[in-house]
Amino acid sequence: MNKLMGFLELKEMSLPSIPWKQYTGNEKLDEKYLWTIRSAVYRGEDLNLPRLVGEDAENATKFAENLLYKLGNNGMVIFYPYFIANKSGTLEVKRNSVIIEAVKEDLWNLVTYSDHEVTIIYHDNQEPEYMGNKNFLKTDEKEQLLKYVPEIRKLFKDDLLEGKSALLEWSFAVSCDVNKNPAGDEYLVFYEARTVK
């Protein structure tokens, strides 16, 4: 499953996910928000695709238009309101285990800069293994992530039986205004799902 399929799957799941929409060139981005623009390709390499994160409507629109032109018929551009990530990470669901990796603030700190706070490995019917700061994720945060594992296992059943894993990206986030001031309560959001070998 590539990034595009992951975006589409997330939209269909009952997991809390980003309210993304496809950018076609006809949309007007609200100036009251900052925006994130991402891309997904129909075929081929889909790691490290161009993205713009936390920009005003004018700059986000320019970036989206340019990306739309570059992608042509090879993919799609998506957009959603920017959020502030307090903690982020990955949730890897395997047939008999679950791995949570977590980092401070934005997920890019983990995937781009290899920052790392904690890895927690849950094997069926065993005590979890911790590598790193055991207290980084609060009990209720771990519970929020783990409560979606049964549904993820059900949705990715065929892949898991083939020995693949479902890998989801998540953040404990808060919405913000155009000056990046937090607004509202913290919430869990998933924003990418894919299968990995």
N, C-alpha and C. Protein backbone atom coordinates (compact mmCIF):
# COMPACT_ATOMS: atom_id res chain seq x y z
N MET A 1 0.84 -1.18 0.00
CA MET A 1 0.00 0.00 0.00
C MET A 1 0.89 1.24 0.00
N ASN A 2 0.65 2.13 -0.94
CA ASN A 2 1.45 3.35 -0.99
C ASN A 2 0.75 4.47 -0.20
N LYS A 3 1.38 5.65 -0.22
CA LYS A 3 0.89 6.79 0.54
C LYS A 3 -0.53 7.17 0.13
N LEU A 4 -0.80 7.18 -1.18
CA LEU A 4 -2.12 7.56 -1.66
C LEU A 4 -3.18 6.59 -1.14
N MET A 5 -2.90 5.30 -1.23
CA MET A 5 -3.85 4.31 -0.71
C MET A 5 -4.03 4.50 0.79
N GLY A 6 -2.96 4.84 1.47
CA GLY A 6 -3.04 5.09 2.91
C GLY A 6 -3.94 6.26 3.24
N PHE A 7 -3.81 7.35 2.47
CA PHE A 7 -4.69 8.50 2.69
C PHE A 7 -6.15 8.09 2.49
N LEU A 8 -6.41 7.33 1.43
CA LEU A 8 -7.78 6.90 1.13
C LEU A 8 -8.31 5.95 2.20
N GLU A 9 -7.44 5.02 2.66
CA GLU A 9 -7.85 4.09 3.72
C GLU A 9 -8.19 4.83 5.00
N LEU A 10 -7.35 5.80 5.36
CA LEU A 10 -7.60 6.55 6.60
C LEU A 10 -8.95 7.25 6.55
N LYS A 11 -9.31 7.76 5.39
CA LYS A 11 -10.58 8.47 5.26
C LYS A 11 -11.75 7.53 5.53
N GLU A 12 -11.58 6.24 5.20
CA GLU A 12 -12.65 5.27 5.37
C GLU A 12 -12.68 4.65 6.77
N MET A 13 -11.58 4.72 7.49
CA MET A 13 -11.49 4.11 8.82
C MET A 13 -12.22 4.97 9.85
N SER A 14 -12.51 4.37 10.98
CA SER A 14 -13.11 5.15 12.06
C SER A 14 -12.04 5.68 13.01
N LEU A 15 -10.79 5.71 12.56
CA LEU A 15 -9.72 6.30 13.34
C LEU A 15 -9.81 7.82 13.22
N PRO A 16 -9.40 8.55 14.25
CA PRO A 16 -9.38 10.01 14.12
C PRO A 16 -8.28 10.39 13.13
N SER A 17 -8.65 10.99 12.03
CA SER A 17 -7.65 11.30 11.00
C SER A 17 -7.81 12.73 10.52
N ILE A 18 -6.80 13.20 9.81
CA ILE A 18 -6.82 14.57 9.32
C ILE A 18 -7.96 14.75 8.32
N PRO A 19 -8.59 15.92 8.33
CA PRO A 19 -9.69 16.18 7.40
C PRO A 19 -9.15 16.64 6.05
N TRP A 20 -8.41 15.77 5.36
CA TRP A 20 -7.77 16.18 4.12
C TRP A 20 -8.77 16.20 2.96
N LYS A 21 -8.44 17.04 2.00
CA LYS A 21 -9.22 17.12 0.76
C LYS A 21 -8.25 17.17 -0.40
N GLN A 22 -8.74 16.78 -1.57
CA GLN A 22 -7.91 16.86 -2.77
C GLN A 22 -7.92 18.29 -3.29
N TYR A 23 -6.74 18.76 -3.66
CA TYR A 23 -6.62 20.09 -4.26
C TYR A 23 -6.62 19.93 -5.78
N THR A 24 -7.57 20.58 -6.43
CA THR A 24 -7.70 20.48 -7.89
C THR A 24 -7.38 21.78 -8.61
N GLY A 25 -7.19 22.85 -7.84
CA GLY A 25 -6.95 24.16 -8.42
C GLY A 25 -8.15 25.07 -8.32
N ASN A 26 -9.29 24.50 -7.92
CA ASN A 26 -10.52 25.30 -7.80
C ASN A 26 -10.83 25.69 -6.37
N GLU A 27 -10.04 25.19 -5.42
CA GLU A 27 -10.33 25.43 -4.01
C GLU A 27 -9.76 26.78 -3.56
N LYS A 28 -10.45 27.41 -2.62
CA LYS A 28 -9.94 28.64 -2.00
C LYS A 28 -9.61 28.33 -0.56
N LEU A 29 -8.35 28.49 -0.19
CA LEU A 29 -7.92 28.18 1.17
C LEU A 29 -8.26 29.37 2.08
N ASP A 30 -8.90 29.07 3.18
CA ASP A 30 -9.35 30.09 4.13
C ASP A 30 -8.14 30.79 4.76
N GLU A 31 -8.16 32.10 4.75
CA GLU A 31 -7.03 32.88 5.30
C GLU A 31 -6.97 32.85 6.82
N LYS A 32 -8.00 32.32 7.47
CA LYS A 32 -8.01 32.24 8.94
C LYS A 32 -7.11 31.13 9.46
N TYR A 33 -6.64 30.25 8.55
CA TYR A 33 -5.86 29.10 8.97
C TYR A 33 -4.49 29.07 8.29
N LEU A 34 -3.58 28.32 8.90
CA LEU A 34 -2.36 27.92 8.22
C LEU A 34 -2.67 26.56 7.59
N TRP A 35 -1.90 26.21 6.55
CA TRP A 35 -2.23 25.01 5.77
C TRP A 35 -1.03 24.10 5.59
N THR A 36 -1.33 22.82 5.42
CA THR A 36 -0.34 21.82 5.04
C THR A 36 -0.73 21.30 3.67
N ILE A 37 0.26 21.24 2.77
CA ILE A 37 0.06 20.73 1.42
C ILE A 37 0.95 19.51 1.26
N ARG A 38 0.38 18.40 0.82
CA ARG A 38 1.16 17.19 0.59
C ARG A 38 0.79 16.60 -0.76
N SER A 39 1.59 15.65 -1.20
CA SER A 39 1.32 15.02 -2.49
C SER A 39 1.38 13.52 -2.35
N ALA A 40 0.73 12.86 -3.29
CA ALA A 40 0.75 11.39 -3.36
C ALA A 40 0.78 11.01 -4.83
N VAL A 41 1.58 10.01 -5.14
CA VAL A 41 1.70 9.58 -6.54
C VAL A 41 0.93 8.28 -6.75
N TYR A 42 0.47 8.10 -7.98
CA TYR A 42 -0.29 6.89 -8.31
C TYR A 42 0.63 5.67 -8.40
N ARG A 43 1.84 5.88 -8.92
CA ARG A 43 2.81 4.78 -9.06
C ARG A 43 4.21 5.30 -8.76
N GLY A 44 5.08 4.36 -8.39
CA GLY A 44 6.49 4.71 -8.21
C GLY A 44 6.82 5.12 -6.80
N GLU A 45 8.02 5.64 -6.65
CA GLU A 45 8.58 6.03 -5.35
C GLU A 45 7.72 7.11 -4.70
N ASP A 46 7.28 6.84 -3.47
CA ASP A 46 6.42 7.84 -2.83
C ASP A 46 6.93 8.25 -1.44
N LEU A 47 8.23 8.09 -1.23
CA LEU A 47 8.84 8.58 0.00
C LEU A 47 9.48 9.94 -0.28
N ASN A 48 9.51 10.79 0.71
CA ASN A 48 10.13 12.12 0.60
C ASN A 48 9.55 12.96 -0.53
N LEU A 49 8.25 12.89 -0.69
CA LEU A 49 7.59 13.72 -1.70
C LEU A 49 7.53 15.16 -1.20
N PRO A 50 7.44 16.12 -2.13
CA PRO A 50 7.38 17.53 -1.71
C PRO A 50 6.19 17.79 -0.79
N ARG A 51 6.42 18.65 0.20
CA ARG A 51 5.36 19.02 1.13
C ARG A 51 5.61 20.43 1.64
N LEU A 52 4.57 21.07 2.08
CA LEU A 52 4.65 22.39 2.68
C LEU A 52 3.83 22.33 3.96
N VAL A 53 4.40 22.78 5.06
CA VAL A 53 3.75 22.60 6.35
C VAL A 53 3.63 23.94 7.08
N GLY A 54 2.41 24.28 7.49
CA GLY A 54 2.18 25.45 8.34
C GLY A 54 2.37 26.78 7.64
N GLU A 55 1.84 26.91 6.44
CA GLU A 55 1.98 28.17 5.69
C GLU A 55 0.64 28.86 5.54
N ASP A 56 0.70 30.19 5.32
CA ASP A 56 -0.54 30.93 5.14
C ASP A 56 -1.20 30.55 3.82
N ALA A 57 -2.45 30.97 3.66
CA ALA A 57 -3.26 30.56 2.51
C ALA A 57 -2.62 30.95 1.19
N GLU A 58 -2.03 32.14 1.11
CA GLU A 58 -1.44 32.60 -0.15
C GLU A 58 -0.26 31.73 -0.57
N ASN A 59 0.69 31.51 0.35
CA ASN A 59 1.85 30.68 0.02
C ASN A 59 1.47 29.23 -0.20
N ALA A 60 0.50 28.73 0.59
CA ALA A 60 0.06 27.34 0.42
C ALA A 60 -0.60 27.15 -0.95
N THR A 61 -1.37 28.13 -1.38
CA THR A 61 -2.02 28.03 -2.69
C THR A 61 -0.98 28.01 -3.81
N LYS A 62 0.02 28.88 -3.72
CA LYS A 62 1.09 28.91 -4.74
C LYS A 62 1.81 27.56 -4.80
N PHE A 63 2.13 27.02 -3.63
CA PHE A 63 2.83 25.74 -3.57
C PHE A 63 1.96 24.63 -4.17
N ALA A 64 0.68 24.62 -3.80
CA ALA A 64 -0.24 23.59 -4.30
C ALA A 64 -0.39 23.68 -5.81
N GLU A 65 -0.49 24.90 -6.34
CA GLU A 65 -0.62 25.09 -7.79
C GLU A 65 0.62 24.55 -8.51
N ASN A 66 1.79 24.88 -7.99
CA ASN A 66 3.05 24.43 -8.58
C ASN A 66 3.16 22.90 -8.52
N LEU A 67 2.78 22.33 -7.39
CA LEU A 67 2.84 20.88 -7.21
C LEU A 67 1.85 20.19 -8.14
N LEU A 68 0.69 20.77 -8.30
CA LEU A 68 -0.32 20.22 -9.21
C LEU A 68 0.21 20.18 -10.64
N TYR A 69 0.90 21.25 -11.02
CA TYR A 69 1.49 21.32 -12.36
C TYR A 69 2.58 20.26 -12.54
N LYS A 70 3.46 20.14 -11.52
CA LYS A 70 4.57 19.17 -11.60
C LYS A 70 4.07 17.72 -11.63
N LEU A 71 3.06 17.41 -10.84
CA LEU A 71 2.55 16.04 -10.78
C LEU A 71 1.79 15.65 -12.04
N GLY A 72 1.09 16.61 -12.63
CA GLY A 72 0.29 16.30 -13.81
C GLY A 72 -0.70 15.19 -13.52
N ASN A 73 -0.69 14.16 -14.35
CA ASN A 73 -1.60 13.02 -14.17
C ASN A 73 -0.97 11.89 -13.36
N ASN A 74 0.18 12.16 -12.72
CA ASN A 74 0.89 11.11 -12.01
C ASN A 74 0.56 11.01 -10.52
N GLY A 75 -0.29 11.91 -10.03
CA GLY A 75 -0.62 11.87 -8.61
C GLY A 75 -1.63 12.92 -8.25
N MET A 76 -1.75 13.15 -6.95
CA MET A 76 -2.69 14.16 -6.50
C MET A 76 -2.10 14.99 -5.37
N VAL A 77 -2.66 16.18 -5.23
CA VAL A 77 -2.25 17.12 -4.19
C VAL A 77 -3.36 17.14 -3.15
N ILE A 78 -2.98 17.06 -1.88
CA ILE A 78 -3.98 17.15 -0.83
C ILE A 78 -3.64 18.31 0.10
N PHE A 79 -4.66 18.79 0.80
CA PHE A 79 -4.45 19.89 1.74
C PHE A 79 -5.31 19.69 2.97
N TYR A 80 -4.83 20.24 4.09
CA TYR A 80 -5.59 20.21 5.34
C TYR A 80 -5.05 21.28 6.27
N PRO A 81 -5.88 21.72 7.24
CA PRO A 81 -5.42 22.75 8.17
C PRO A 81 -4.23 22.26 8.99
N TYR A 82 -3.27 23.15 9.16
CA TYR A 82 -2.07 22.86 9.94
C TYR A 82 -2.45 22.70 11.42
N PHE A 83 -1.73 21.83 12.11
CA PHE A 83 -1.91 21.67 13.55
C PHE A 83 -0.54 21.64 14.22
N ILE A 84 -0.52 21.96 15.50
CA ILE A 84 0.71 21.89 16.28
C ILE A 84 0.79 20.51 16.91
N ALA A 85 1.88 19.83 16.68
CA ALA A 85 2.07 18.49 17.26
C ALA A 85 2.84 18.62 18.57
N ASN A 86 2.28 18.10 19.64
CA ASN A 86 2.97 18.09 20.94
C ASN A 86 3.85 16.85 21.07
N LYS A 87 3.34 15.71 20.63
CA LYS A 87 4.07 14.44 20.58
C LYS A 87 3.64 13.75 19.30
N SER A 88 4.56 13.04 18.68
CA SER A 88 4.25 12.34 17.43
C SER A 88 4.99 11.01 17.39
N GLY A 89 4.61 10.20 16.40
CA GLY A 89 5.33 8.95 16.25
C GLY A 89 4.69 8.03 15.23
N THR A 90 5.08 6.77 15.34
CA THR A 90 4.53 5.75 14.47
C THR A 90 3.93 4.64 15.32
N LEU A 91 2.92 4.02 14.75
CA LEU A 91 2.29 2.86 15.36
C LEU A 91 2.39 1.74 14.34
N GLU A 92 3.22 0.73 14.65
CA GLU A 92 3.41 -0.39 13.73
C GLU A 92 2.68 -1.59 14.30
N VAL A 93 1.70 -2.07 13.53
CA VAL A 93 0.88 -3.19 13.96
C VAL A 93 1.26 -4.42 13.15
N LYS A 94 1.76 -5.43 13.87
CA LYS A 94 2.12 -6.70 13.24
C LYS A 94 1.11 -7.76 13.68
N ARG A 95 1.28 -8.94 13.17
CA ARG A 95 0.34 -10.00 13.51
C ARG A 95 0.31 -10.30 15.01
N ASN A 96 1.50 -10.37 15.63
CA ASN A 96 1.55 -10.74 17.05
C ASN A 96 2.23 -9.70 17.94
N SER A 97 2.42 -8.52 17.41
CA SER A 97 3.05 -7.48 18.23
C SER A 97 2.66 -6.09 17.73
N VAL A 98 2.93 -5.12 18.58
CA VAL A 98 2.68 -3.71 18.26
C VAL A 98 3.88 -2.92 18.73
N ILE A 99 4.33 -1.98 17.88
CA ILE A 99 5.48 -1.14 18.24
C ILE A 99 5.04 0.31 18.15
N ILE A 100 5.25 1.04 19.25
CA ILE A 100 4.99 2.48 19.26
C ILE A 100 6.34 3.18 19.35
N GLU A 101 6.60 4.09 18.42
CA GLU A 101 7.77 4.97 18.52
C GLU A 101 7.24 6.37 18.71
N ALA A 102 7.90 7.14 19.57
CA ALA A 102 7.41 8.48 19.86
C ALA A 102 8.56 9.48 19.98
N VAL A 103 8.24 10.73 19.67
CA VAL A 103 9.21 11.81 19.67
C VAL A 103 8.51 13.09 20.12
N LYS A 104 9.28 14.04 20.62
CA LYS A 104 8.72 15.34 20.98
C LYS A 104 8.28 16.07 19.71
N GLU A 105 7.17 16.75 19.84
CA GLU A 105 6.66 17.64 18.80
C GLU A 105 6.40 16.92 17.48
N ASP A 106 6.95 17.43 16.41
CA ASP A 106 6.59 16.99 15.06
C ASP A 106 7.22 15.67 14.67
N LEU A 107 6.50 14.88 13.87
CA LEU A 107 7.00 13.59 13.39
C LEU A 107 8.28 13.74 12.58
N TRP A 108 8.45 14.89 11.89
CA TRP A 108 9.67 15.07 11.08
C TRP A 108 10.90 14.94 11.96
N ASN A 109 10.77 15.23 13.27
CA ASN A 109 11.91 15.07 14.18
C ASN A 109 12.37 13.61 14.24
N LEU A 110 11.42 12.70 14.10
CA LEU A 110 11.75 11.27 14.11
C LEU A 110 12.24 10.81 12.74
N VAL A 111 11.46 11.10 11.69
CA VAL A 111 11.77 10.53 10.38
C VAL A 111 12.87 11.28 9.64
N THR A 112 13.02 12.58 9.90
CA THR A 112 14.04 13.35 9.20
C THR A 112 15.33 13.49 10.00
N TYR A 113 15.19 13.74 11.30
CA TYR A 113 16.37 14.00 12.13
C TYR A 113 16.76 12.84 13.04
N SER A 114 16.00 11.75 12.98
CA SER A 114 16.25 10.55 13.80
C SER A 114 16.23 10.82 15.30
N ASP A 115 15.52 11.89 15.72
CA ASP A 115 15.31 12.10 17.15
C ASP A 115 14.41 10.98 17.65
N HIS A 116 14.50 10.70 18.93
CA HIS A 116 13.76 9.56 19.46
C HIS A 116 13.61 9.70 20.95
N GLU A 117 12.40 9.55 21.46
CA GLU A 117 12.19 9.57 22.91
C GLU A 117 12.01 8.15 23.46
N VAL A 118 11.11 7.39 22.80
CA VAL A 118 10.85 6.05 23.33
C VAL A 118 10.34 5.13 22.21
N THR A 119 10.70 3.86 22.34
CA THR A 119 10.10 2.78 21.56
C THR A 119 9.52 1.80 22.56
N ILE A 120 8.26 1.43 22.33
CA ILE A 120 7.59 0.47 23.20
C ILE A 120 7.15 -0.70 22.34
N ILE A 121 7.55 -1.91 22.73
CA ILE A 121 7.17 -3.11 21.98
C ILE A 121 6.23 -3.94 22.84
N TYR A 122 5.05 -4.17 22.29
CA TYR A 122 4.04 -5.00 22.95
C TYR A 122 3.97 -6.34 22.23
N HIS A 123 4.35 -7.42 22.91
CA HIS A 123 4.18 -8.78 22.39
C HIS A 123 2.91 -9.32 23.02
N ASP A 124 2.17 -10.12 22.28
CA ASP A 124 0.93 -10.68 22.83
C ASP A 124 1.17 -11.32 24.19
N ASN A 125 0.35 -10.91 25.16
CA ASN A 125 0.34 -11.50 26.51
C ASN A 125 1.67 -11.40 27.26
N GLN A 126 2.46 -10.38 26.97
CA GLN A 126 3.71 -10.17 27.70
C GLN A 126 3.79 -8.72 28.14
N GLU A 127 4.64 -8.47 29.11
CA GLU A 127 4.88 -7.09 29.54
C GLU A 127 5.58 -6.33 28.42
N PRO A 128 5.25 -5.06 28.22
CA PRO A 128 5.90 -4.30 27.15
C PRO A 128 7.39 -4.06 27.42
N GLU A 129 8.15 -3.98 26.33
CA GLU A 129 9.58 -3.65 26.41
C GLU A 129 9.73 -2.17 26.09
N TYR A 130 10.57 -1.47 26.85
CA TYR A 130 10.80 -0.04 26.63
C TYR A 130 12.25 0.21 26.25
N MET A 131 12.45 1.05 25.25
CA MET A 131 13.77 1.55 24.91
C MET A 131 13.67 3.07 24.89
N GLY A 132 14.41 3.72 25.78
CA GLY A 132 14.33 5.17 25.87
C GLY A 132 13.57 5.59 27.11
N ASN A 133 12.95 6.76 27.05
CA ASN A 133 12.27 7.37 28.19
C ASN A 133 10.92 6.70 28.43
N LYS A 134 10.87 5.81 29.38
CA LYS A 134 9.67 5.02 29.67
C LYS A 134 8.48 5.89 30.03
N ASN A 135 8.72 7.07 30.56
CA ASN A 135 7.64 7.96 31.02
C ASN A 135 7.23 9.01 30.00
N PHE A 136 7.80 8.95 28.80
CA PHE A 136 7.49 9.99 27.81
C PHE A 136 6.00 10.01 27.44
N LEU A 137 5.44 8.84 27.15
CA LEU A 137 4.01 8.76 26.86
C LEU A 137 3.26 8.42 28.14
N LYS A 138 2.22 9.21 28.43
CA LYS A 138 1.40 8.95 29.60
C LYS A 138 0.55 7.70 29.35
N THR A 139 0.08 7.09 30.43
CA THR A 139 -0.73 5.88 30.33
C THR A 139 -1.92 6.09 29.41
N ASP A 140 -2.63 7.22 29.56
CA ASP A 140 -3.82 7.43 28.74
C ASP A 140 -3.46 7.65 27.27
N GLU A 141 -2.28 8.18 26.99
CA GLU A 141 -1.85 8.35 25.59
C GLU A 141 -1.57 6.98 24.95
N LYS A 142 -0.90 6.11 25.70
CA LYS A 142 -0.66 4.75 25.20
C LYS A 142 -1.99 4.03 24.96
N GLU A 143 -2.91 4.20 25.89
CA GLU A 143 -4.22 3.54 25.76
C GLU A 143 -4.98 4.06 24.54
N GLN A 144 -4.89 5.38 24.30
CA GLN A 144 -5.57 5.95 23.13
C GLN A 144 -5.05 5.33 21.84
N LEU A 145 -3.73 5.15 21.74
CA LEU A 145 -3.14 4.55 20.55
C LEU A 145 -3.51 3.08 20.43
N LEU A 146 -3.42 2.35 21.54
CA LEU A 146 -3.64 0.90 21.50
C LEU A 146 -5.09 0.52 21.26
N LYS A 147 -6.01 1.41 21.59
CA LYS A 147 -7.42 1.03 21.42
C LYS A 147 -7.81 0.87 19.96
N TYR A 148 -7.00 1.40 19.04
CA TYR A 148 -7.31 1.27 17.61
C TYR A 148 -6.66 0.03 16.97
N VAL A 149 -5.82 -0.67 17.73
CA VAL A 149 -5.11 -1.83 17.18
C VAL A 149 -6.06 -2.91 16.67
N PRO A 150 -7.12 -3.28 17.42
CA PRO A 150 -8.02 -4.32 16.88
C PRO A 150 -8.62 -3.95 15.53
N GLU A 151 -9.04 -2.70 15.38
CA GLU A 151 -9.61 -2.29 14.09
C GLU A 151 -8.55 -2.30 12.99
N ILE A 152 -7.34 -1.84 13.31
CA ILE A 152 -6.25 -1.85 12.32
C ILE A 152 -5.96 -3.28 11.90
N ARG A 153 -5.92 -4.20 12.86
CA ARG A 153 -5.66 -5.61 12.53
C ARG A 153 -6.76 -6.17 11.63
N LYS A 154 -7.99 -5.76 11.88
CA LYS A 154 -9.11 -6.24 11.06
C LYS A 154 -9.00 -5.68 9.64
N LEU A 155 -8.70 -4.39 9.53
CA LEU A 155 -8.63 -3.75 8.21
C LEU A 155 -7.45 -4.26 7.37
N PHE A 156 -6.35 -4.58 8.04
CA PHE A 156 -5.14 -5.00 7.33
C PHE A 156 -4.91 -6.51 7.46
N LYS A 157 -5.96 -7.25 7.76
CA LYS A 157 -5.86 -8.69 8.05
C LYS A 157 -5.06 -9.45 6.99
N ASP A 158 -5.38 -9.26 5.72
CA ASP A 158 -4.71 -10.00 4.65
C ASP A 158 -3.21 -9.68 4.60
N ASP A 159 -2.88 -8.41 4.75
CA ASP A 159 -1.46 -8.00 4.75
C ASP A 159 -0.72 -8.60 5.94
N LEU A 160 -1.35 -8.58 7.11
CA LEU A 160 -0.71 -9.12 8.31
C LEU A 160 -0.48 -10.62 8.17
N LEU A 161 -1.44 -11.31 7.56
CA LEU A 161 -1.28 -12.76 7.34
C LEU A 161 -0.13 -13.06 6.39
N GLU A 162 0.18 -12.12 5.49
CA GLU A 162 1.31 -12.28 4.57
C GLU A 162 2.64 -11.90 5.21
N GLY A 163 2.61 -11.52 6.48
CA GLY A 163 3.84 -11.16 7.19
C GLY A 163 4.19 -9.69 7.10
N LYS A 164 3.30 -8.88 6.53
CA LYS A 164 3.55 -7.44 6.46
C LYS A 164 3.07 -6.77 7.75
N SER A 165 3.41 -5.49 7.89
CA SER A 165 2.96 -4.70 9.02
C SER A 165 2.14 -3.52 8.50
N ALA A 166 1.24 -3.03 9.34
CA ALA A 166 0.55 -1.77 9.07
C ALA A 166 1.29 -0.70 9.85
N LEU A 167 1.70 0.36 9.17
CA LEU A 167 2.46 1.44 9.80
C LEU A 167 1.66 2.72 9.68
N LEU A 168 1.30 3.29 10.83
CA LEU A 168 0.51 4.52 10.86
C LEU A 168 1.30 5.62 11.55
N GLU A 169 1.16 6.83 11.04
CA GLU A 169 1.78 8.01 11.65
C GLU A 169 0.72 8.74 12.45
N TRP A 170 1.10 9.26 13.62
CA TRP A 170 0.13 9.90 14.50
C TRP A 170 0.76 11.09 15.21
N SER A 171 -0.11 11.94 15.76
CA SER A 171 0.32 13.02 16.64
C SER A 171 -0.74 13.28 17.69
N PHE A 172 -0.29 13.66 18.87
CA PHE A 172 -1.18 14.30 19.83
C PHE A 172 -1.02 15.79 19.53
N ALA A 173 -2.11 16.38 19.02
CA ALA A 173 -2.01 17.69 18.40
C ALA A 173 -3.02 18.67 18.98
N VAL A 174 -2.83 19.92 18.61
CA VAL A 174 -3.78 20.97 18.96
C VAL A 174 -3.89 21.90 17.76
N SER A 175 -5.11 22.36 17.49
CA SER A 175 -5.32 23.31 16.39
C SER A 175 -4.69 24.64 16.76
N CYS A 176 -4.51 25.51 15.76
CA CYS A 176 -3.89 26.80 16.03
C CYS A 176 -4.43 27.86 15.09
N ASP A 177 -4.12 29.13 15.43
CA ASP A 177 -4.52 30.23 14.56
C ASP A 177 -3.37 30.54 13.60
N VAL A 178 -3.50 31.62 12.83
CA VAL A 178 -2.49 31.95 11.82
C VAL A 178 -1.16 32.37 12.43
N ASN A 179 -1.14 32.68 13.71
CA ASN A 179 0.11 33.04 14.39
C ASN A 179 0.70 31.87 15.16
N LYS A 180 0.17 30.68 14.89
CA LYS A 180 0.60 29.43 15.55
C LYS A 180 0.36 29.44 17.05
N ASN A 181 -0.67 30.17 17.48
CA ASN A 181 -1.10 30.11 18.87
C ASN A 181 -2.06 28.95 19.04
N PRO A 182 -1.83 28.07 20.02
CA PRO A 182 -2.72 26.93 20.22
C PRO A 182 -4.17 27.37 20.44
N ALA A 183 -5.10 26.59 19.90
CA ALA A 183 -6.53 26.89 20.07
C ALA A 183 -7.27 25.58 20.28
N GLY A 184 -7.89 25.44 21.43
CA GLY A 184 -8.68 24.24 21.70
C GLY A 184 -7.92 23.18 22.45
N ASP A 185 -8.55 22.02 22.59
CA ASP A 185 -8.01 20.90 23.36
C ASP A 185 -7.11 20.02 22.50
N GLU A 186 -6.23 19.30 23.16
CA GLU A 186 -5.37 18.35 22.47
C GLU A 186 -6.20 17.16 21.99
N TYR A 187 -5.83 16.61 20.84
CA TYR A 187 -6.52 15.44 20.29
C TYR A 187 -5.50 14.55 19.58
N LEU A 188 -5.87 13.27 19.43
CA LEU A 188 -5.05 12.32 18.68
C LEU A 188 -5.49 12.34 17.24
N VAL A 189 -4.53 12.38 16.33
CA VAL A 189 -4.85 12.36 14.91
C VAL A 189 -3.86 11.44 14.19
N PHE A 190 -4.40 10.61 13.28
CA PHE A 190 -3.58 9.79 12.40
C PHE A 190 -3.54 10.46 11.04
N TYR A 191 -2.37 10.47 10.39
CA TYR A 191 -2.32 11.16 9.10
C TYR A 191 -1.60 10.40 8.01
N GLU A 192 -1.19 9.20 8.26
CA GLU A 192 -0.70 8.37 7.17
C GLU A 192 -0.79 6.92 7.59
N ALA A 193 -1.12 6.06 6.64
CA ALA A 193 -1.16 4.62 6.87
C ALA A 193 -0.56 3.94 5.65
N ARG A 194 0.26 2.93 5.88
CA ARG A 194 0.85 2.17 4.78
C ARG A 194 1.19 0.78 5.27
N THR A 195 1.42 -0.13 4.34
CA THR A 195 1.91 -1.44 4.73
C THR A 195 3.40 -1.52 4.42
N VAL A 196 4.12 -2.20 5.28
CA VAL A 196 5.56 -2.38 5.09
C VAL A 196 5.89 -3.85 5.27
N LYS A 197 7.00 -4.27 4.66
CA LYS A 197 7.42 -5.68 4.78
C LYS A 197 8.30 -5.86 5.99
